[in-house]
Every structure is written in C-alpha cells, then in structure tokens.
C-alpha cells in the first residue's frame, strides 16, 4: 500500500464516520465531547414540556422545604398537592 492509497483510505474512513455521526444526530462541542441532538420537533417539544413540569415541581418542593412559618406538616402539604394533581 503506497502513501497515496493510505491518504485516500484515511479520508474515506473519516468521511464515513462523519456521515454515521450526522445520521445519528451526534455532534461535538469545542472540547471534543459528544452530545446528541434531538432531530424530531415533536420529541423536542415533549422534552421541553417535561422539563417545564419538573421545574415547577422543584419550585413547589423548595417552597415546602423552606417555609418554616407554617403550622402544616410536610406530609399534609404533599398529600394536598397530590390531591390537586388528580383533578
């Protein structure tokens, strides 16, 4: 195998690797780390809605954990939130 054939082989391998990464939605950041990109718009919207709901739940939990002035116990507050979510 000559040097020209080796260069062609390397270029071919890199090109095929790039095509496979693009097909699977894998991108690289500036530090060389790989991450996946959501290609489905419906999937992206569903994930954003789930993140929004989780953030709201975290805010409620933070409010419960930091509110010391209430006479309501933590268990009662959680049960009230569960009852409200069933509606």
Protein backbone atom coordinates (compact mmCIF):
# COMPACT_ATOMS: atom_id res chain seq x y z
CA UNK A 1 0.00 0.00 0.00
CA UNK A 2 1.51 3.27 -1.09
CA UNK A 3 1.24 6.65 0.62
CA UNK A 4 -1.42 7.89 -1.83
CA UNK A 5 -3.64 4.89 -1.14
CA UNK A 6 -3.17 5.35 2.60
CA UNK A 7 -4.28 9.00 2.40
CA UNK A 8 -7.33 8.03 0.34
CA UNK A 9 -8.16 5.31 2.90
CA UNK A 10 -7.91 7.73 5.83
CA UNK A 11 -10.08 10.33 4.08
CA UNK A 12 -12.64 7.62 3.28
CA UNK A 13 -12.76 6.40 6.90
CA UNK A 14 -13.16 9.93 8.27
CA UNK A 15 -15.91 10.71 5.75
CA UNK A 16 -17.86 7.55 6.57
CA UNK A 17 -17.53 8.30 10.30
CA UNK A 18 -18.85 11.83 9.78
CA UNK A 19 -21.83 10.53 7.81
CA UNK A 20 -22.69 7.99 10.51
CA UNK A 21 -22.44 10.64 13.27
CA UNK A 22 -24.65 13.04 11.30
CA UNK A 23 -27.24 10.33 10.64
CA UNK A 24 -27.49 9.52 14.35
CA UNK A 25 -27.59 13.19 15.41
CA UNK A 26 -24.28 13.16 17.27
CA UNK A 27 -22.46 16.47 17.49
CA UNK A 28 -19.19 17.53 19.11
CA UNK A 29 -18.62 20.56 21.28
CA UNK A 30 -15.44 22.64 21.24
CA UNK A 31 -13.77 20.45 23.86
CA UNK A 32 -14.27 17.30 21.80
CA UNK A 33 -17.14 15.90 23.87
CA UNK A 34 -20.02 14.32 22.01
CA UNK A 35 -23.68 15.05 22.61
CA UNK A 36 -26.91 14.05 20.90
CA UNK A 37 -29.17 16.47 19.09
CA UNK A 38 -32.91 15.87 19.11
CA UNK A 39 -33.93 15.80 15.47
CA UNK A 40 -37.66 15.26 15.98
CA UNK A 41 -39.52 18.52 16.61
CA UNK A 42 -42.36 16.74 18.44
CA UNK A 43 -39.84 14.97 20.66
CA UNK A 44 -38.13 18.28 21.42
CA UNK A 45 -41.42 19.90 22.42
CA UNK A 46 -42.34 16.93 24.62
CA UNK A 47 -38.98 17.09 26.38
CA UNK A 48 -39.31 20.84 26.90
CA UNK A 49 -42.78 20.37 28.41
CA UNK A 50 -41.45 17.68 30.73
CA UNK A 51 -38.57 19.90 31.83
CA UNK A 52 -41.00 22.75 32.48
CA UNK A 53 -43.21 20.47 34.62
CA UNK A 54 -40.21 19.20 36.58
CA UNK A 55 -39.03 22.76 37.24
CA UNK A 56 -42.47 23.62 38.61
CA UNK A 57 -42.38 20.58 40.89
CA UNK A 58 -38.92 21.58 42.14
CA UNK A 59 -40.21 25.07 42.95
CA UNK A 60 -43.06 23.58 44.97
CA UNK A 61 -40.70 21.26 46.84
CA UNK A 62 -38.32 24.15 47.57
CA UNK A 63 -41.21 26.22 48.89
CA UNK A 64 -42.34 23.37 51.14
CA UNK A 65 -38.83 22.72 52.43
CA UNK A 66 -38.01 26.36 53.18
CA UNK A 67 -41.34 27.51 54.60
CA UNK A 68 -40.85 27.24 58.39
CA UNK A 69 -43.66 29.58 59.44
CA UNK A 70 -46.50 27.25 58.54
CA UNK A 71 -48.21 25.00 61.02
CA UNK A 72 -48.90 22.42 58.30
CA UNK A 73 -46.67 19.39 58.32
CA UNK A 74 -44.76 18.27 55.28
CA UNK A 75 -46.88 15.15 54.85
CA UNK A 76 -50.12 17.14 54.79
CA UNK A 77 -48.74 19.56 52.21
CA UNK A 78 -47.60 16.73 49.93
CA UNK A 79 -50.97 15.00 50.18
CA UNK A 80 -52.74 18.25 49.33
CA UNK A 81 -50.55 18.63 46.24
CA UNK A 82 -51.26 15.04 45.21
CA UNK A 83 -55.00 15.62 45.56
CA UNK A 84 -54.78 18.76 43.43
CA UNK A 85 -52.85 16.93 40.69
CA UNK A 86 -55.57 14.24 40.40
CA UNK A 87 -58.18 16.81 39.39
